[in-house]
């Protein structure tokens, strides 16, 4: 858990219960195939994660960078 999640509301779009068909039923032996909609949703989620990670790195670099020395 990230500390910011304690103070901010959850985005709520992490899991869509209506489209979650991952539970196999009795007698179902084959894996479910991903639809194009699911693949595009996974791709979008991955892009968002990359952007959030790069933003987080920028904040960390500014926090922990050495202070600028004054000019003499």
N, C-alpha and C. Protein backbone atom coordinates (compact mmCIF):
# COMPACT_ATOMS: atom_id res chain seq x y z
N UNK A 1 0.84 -1.17 0.00
CA UNK A 1 0.00 0.00 0.00
C UNK A 1 0.89 1.24 0.00
N UNK A 2 0.52 2.18 -0.79
CA UNK A 2 1.25 3.43 -0.89
C UNK A 2 0.68 4.40 0.14
N UNK A 3 1.54 5.21 0.73
CA UNK A 3 1.12 6.13 1.77
C UNK A 3 0.07 7.11 1.26
N UNK A 4 0.18 7.52 0.01
CA UNK A 4 -0.80 8.46 -0.55
C UNK A 4 -2.19 7.86 -0.62
N UNK A 5 -2.30 6.54 -0.68
CA UNK A 5 -3.62 5.91 -0.76
C UNK A 5 -4.38 6.05 0.55
N UNK A 6 -3.69 6.33 1.64
CA UNK A 6 -4.38 6.54 2.91
C UNK A 6 -5.14 7.86 2.90
N UNK A 7 -4.60 8.86 2.19
CA UNK A 7 -5.18 10.19 2.22
C UNK A 7 -6.03 10.51 1.00
N UNK A 8 -5.89 9.74 -0.05
CA UNK A 8 -6.66 9.98 -1.26
C UNK A 8 -7.66 8.85 -1.46
N UNK A 9 -8.73 9.16 -2.16
CA UNK A 9 -9.73 8.13 -2.44
C UNK A 9 -9.20 7.14 -3.48
N UNK A 10 -9.69 5.93 -3.41
CA UNK A 10 -9.31 4.92 -4.39
C UNK A 10 -9.87 5.29 -5.76
N UNK A 11 -9.11 5.04 -6.82
CA UNK A 11 -9.61 5.36 -8.16
C UNK A 11 -10.84 4.55 -8.54
N UNK A 12 -11.06 3.40 -7.96
CA UNK A 12 -12.28 2.65 -8.20
C UNK A 12 -12.32 1.89 -9.51
N UNK A 13 -11.40 2.10 -10.41
CA UNK A 13 -11.42 1.42 -11.70
C UNK A 13 -10.41 0.29 -11.75
N UNK A 14 -9.96 -0.18 -10.60
CA UNK A 14 -8.99 -1.26 -10.59
C UNK A 14 -9.60 -2.58 -11.05
N UNK A 15 -10.83 -2.83 -10.66
CA UNK A 15 -11.47 -4.10 -11.02
C UNK A 15 -12.92 -3.85 -11.40
N UNK A 16 -13.33 -4.43 -12.49
CA UNK A 16 -14.72 -4.33 -12.93
C UNK A 16 -15.37 -5.69 -12.65
N UNK A 17 -16.23 -5.75 -11.65
CA UNK A 17 -16.85 -7.01 -11.24
C UNK A 17 -17.73 -7.57 -12.36
N UNK A 18 -18.39 -6.68 -13.12
CA UNK A 18 -19.29 -7.15 -14.18
C UNK A 18 -18.54 -7.89 -15.29
N UNK A 19 -17.28 -7.52 -15.53
CA UNK A 19 -16.53 -8.16 -16.60
C UNK A 19 -15.55 -9.20 -16.09
N UNK A 20 -15.61 -9.51 -14.81
CA UNK A 20 -14.70 -10.49 -14.25
C UNK A 20 -15.30 -11.88 -14.42
N UNK A 21 -14.84 -12.59 -15.42
CA UNK A 21 -15.33 -13.93 -15.68
C UNK A 21 -14.21 -14.94 -15.50
N UNK A 22 -13.36 -14.71 -14.52
CA UNK A 22 -12.18 -15.55 -14.35
C UNK A 22 -12.45 -16.80 -13.52
N UNK A 23 -13.61 -16.90 -12.88
CA UNK A 23 -13.91 -18.07 -12.07
C UNK A 23 -14.39 -19.22 -12.96
N UNK A 24 -13.64 -20.31 -13.04
CA UNK A 24 -14.10 -21.44 -13.85
C UNK A 24 -15.23 -22.19 -13.14
N UNK A 25 -16.11 -22.73 -13.93
CA UNK A 25 -17.21 -23.51 -13.38
C UNK A 25 -16.84 -24.98 -13.41
N UNK A 26 -17.64 -25.81 -12.75
CA UNK A 26 -17.39 -27.24 -12.69
C UNK A 26 -17.45 -27.83 -14.10
N UNK A 27 -16.44 -28.59 -14.48
CA UNK A 27 -16.40 -29.21 -15.79
C UNK A 27 -15.74 -28.35 -16.86
N UNK A 28 -15.30 -27.18 -16.50
CA UNK A 28 -14.66 -26.29 -17.46
C UNK A 28 -13.16 -26.50 -17.38
N UNK A 29 -12.57 -27.03 -18.43
CA UNK A 29 -11.16 -27.40 -18.40
C UNK A 29 -10.27 -26.42 -19.15
N UNK A 30 -10.82 -25.72 -20.11
CA UNK A 30 -10.00 -24.83 -20.93
C UNK A 30 -9.88 -23.46 -20.29
N UNK A 31 -8.78 -22.80 -20.61
CA UNK A 31 -8.59 -21.43 -20.14
C UNK A 31 -9.48 -20.51 -20.95
N UNK A 32 -9.89 -19.43 -20.33
CA UNK A 32 -10.69 -18.46 -21.07
C UNK A 32 -9.78 -17.64 -21.97
N UNK A 33 -10.29 -17.27 -23.13
CA UNK A 33 -9.53 -16.47 -24.07
C UNK A 33 -9.79 -15.00 -23.81
N UNK A 34 -8.76 -14.21 -23.99
CA UNK A 34 -8.90 -12.76 -23.81
C UNK A 34 -9.56 -12.16 -25.05
N UNK A 35 -10.48 -11.26 -24.81
CA UNK A 35 -11.10 -10.54 -25.92
C UNK A 35 -10.25 -9.32 -26.25
N UNK A 36 -10.53 -8.70 -27.40
CA UNK A 36 -9.80 -7.50 -27.79
C UNK A 36 -10.05 -6.36 -26.81
N UNK A 37 -11.24 -6.31 -26.25
CA UNK A 37 -11.56 -5.27 -25.26
C UNK A 37 -10.70 -5.45 -24.00
N UNK A 38 -10.53 -6.69 -23.57
CA UNK A 38 -9.71 -6.95 -22.39
C UNK A 38 -8.24 -6.65 -22.66
N UNK A 39 -7.77 -6.98 -23.86
CA UNK A 39 -6.38 -6.71 -24.21
C UNK A 39 -6.12 -5.21 -24.27
N UNK A 40 -7.03 -4.45 -24.85
CA UNK A 40 -6.85 -3.00 -24.91
C UNK A 40 -6.92 -2.38 -23.53
N UNK A 41 -7.77 -2.91 -22.67
CA UNK A 41 -7.85 -2.41 -21.30
C UNK A 41 -6.55 -2.68 -20.54
N UNK A 42 -5.96 -3.86 -20.75
CA UNK A 42 -4.68 -4.17 -20.12
C UNK A 42 -3.58 -3.26 -20.64
N UNK A 43 -3.61 -2.97 -21.93
CA UNK A 43 -2.61 -2.08 -22.51
C UNK A 43 -2.74 -0.67 -21.93
N UNK A 44 -3.97 -0.18 -21.79
CA UNK A 44 -4.18 1.14 -21.21
C UNK A 44 -3.72 1.19 -19.75
N UNK A 45 -4.01 0.13 -19.00
CA UNK A 45 -3.58 0.08 -17.61
C UNK A 45 -2.06 0.09 -17.52
N UNK A 46 -1.39 -0.61 -18.42
CA UNK A 46 0.06 -0.64 -18.43
C UNK A 46 0.64 0.74 -18.77
N UNK A 47 0.02 1.44 -19.71
CA UNK A 47 0.46 2.79 -20.06
C UNK A 47 0.31 3.74 -18.87
N UNK A 48 -0.80 3.63 -18.17
CA UNK A 48 -1.04 4.48 -17.00
C UNK A 48 -0.01 4.18 -15.91
N UNK A 49 0.32 2.92 -15.72
CA UNK A 49 1.33 2.56 -14.72
C UNK A 49 2.69 3.15 -15.07
N UNK A 50 3.04 3.13 -16.36
CA UNK A 50 4.31 3.71 -16.78
C UNK A 50 4.35 5.21 -16.50
N UNK A 51 3.26 5.90 -16.80
CA UNK A 51 3.20 7.35 -16.58
C UNK A 51 3.28 7.66 -15.09
N UNK A 52 2.53 6.92 -14.27
CA UNK A 52 2.57 7.15 -12.83
C UNK A 52 3.96 6.87 -12.26
N UNK A 53 4.63 5.84 -12.77
CA UNK A 53 5.97 5.51 -12.30
C UNK A 53 6.96 6.61 -12.66
N UNK A 54 6.86 7.13 -13.88
CA UNK A 54 7.78 8.20 -14.28
C UNK A 54 7.53 9.47 -13.47
N UNK A 55 6.26 9.77 -13.18
CA UNK A 55 5.95 10.93 -12.34
C UNK A 55 6.49 10.74 -10.92
N UNK A 56 6.38 9.54 -10.42
CA UNK A 56 6.89 9.26 -9.08
C UNK A 56 8.41 9.39 -9.04
N UNK A 57 9.09 8.95 -10.10
CA UNK A 57 10.54 9.09 -10.16
C UNK A 57 10.97 10.56 -10.20
N UNK A 58 10.21 11.38 -10.93
CA UNK A 58 10.52 12.80 -10.98
C UNK A 58 10.41 13.43 -9.59
N UNK A 59 9.36 13.07 -8.85
CA UNK A 59 9.19 13.61 -7.50
C UNK A 59 10.33 13.15 -6.58
N UNK A 60 10.71 11.91 -6.70
CA UNK A 60 11.77 11.38 -5.85
C UNK A 60 13.10 12.05 -6.18
N UNK A 61 13.37 12.28 -7.46
CA UNK A 61 14.61 12.94 -7.85
C UNK A 61 14.67 14.37 -7.32
N UNK A 62 13.55 15.08 -7.34
CA UNK A 62 13.55 16.44 -6.81
C UNK A 62 13.68 16.45 -5.29
N UNK A 63 13.12 15.46 -4.62
CA UNK A 63 13.20 15.41 -3.17
C UNK A 63 14.62 15.10 -2.69
N UNK A 64 15.28 14.16 -3.33
CA UNK A 64 16.55 13.68 -2.84
C UNK A 64 17.76 14.20 -3.61
N UNK A 65 17.56 15.16 -4.49
CA UNK A 65 18.70 15.72 -5.20
C UNK A 65 19.47 16.64 -4.25
N UNK A 66 20.78 16.74 -4.44
CA UNK A 66 21.55 17.63 -3.56
C UNK A 66 21.15 19.08 -3.80
N UNK A 67 21.18 19.89 -2.76
CA UNK A 67 20.78 21.29 -2.95
C UNK A 67 21.77 22.03 -3.84
N UNK A 68 21.25 22.97 -4.57
CA UNK A 68 22.11 23.75 -5.48
C UNK A 68 22.99 24.68 -4.65
N UNK A 69 24.26 24.72 -5.00
CA UNK A 69 25.19 25.57 -4.26
C UNK A 69 25.06 27.01 -4.78
N UNK A 70 25.12 27.96 -3.87
CA UNK A 70 25.03 29.36 -4.32
C UNK A 70 26.27 29.78 -5.09
N UNK A 71 26.09 30.64 -6.07
CA UNK A 71 27.21 31.12 -6.88
C UNK A 71 28.04 32.12 -6.08
N UNK A 72 29.34 32.05 -6.28
CA UNK A 72 30.23 32.96 -5.53
C UNK A 72 30.57 34.17 -6.33
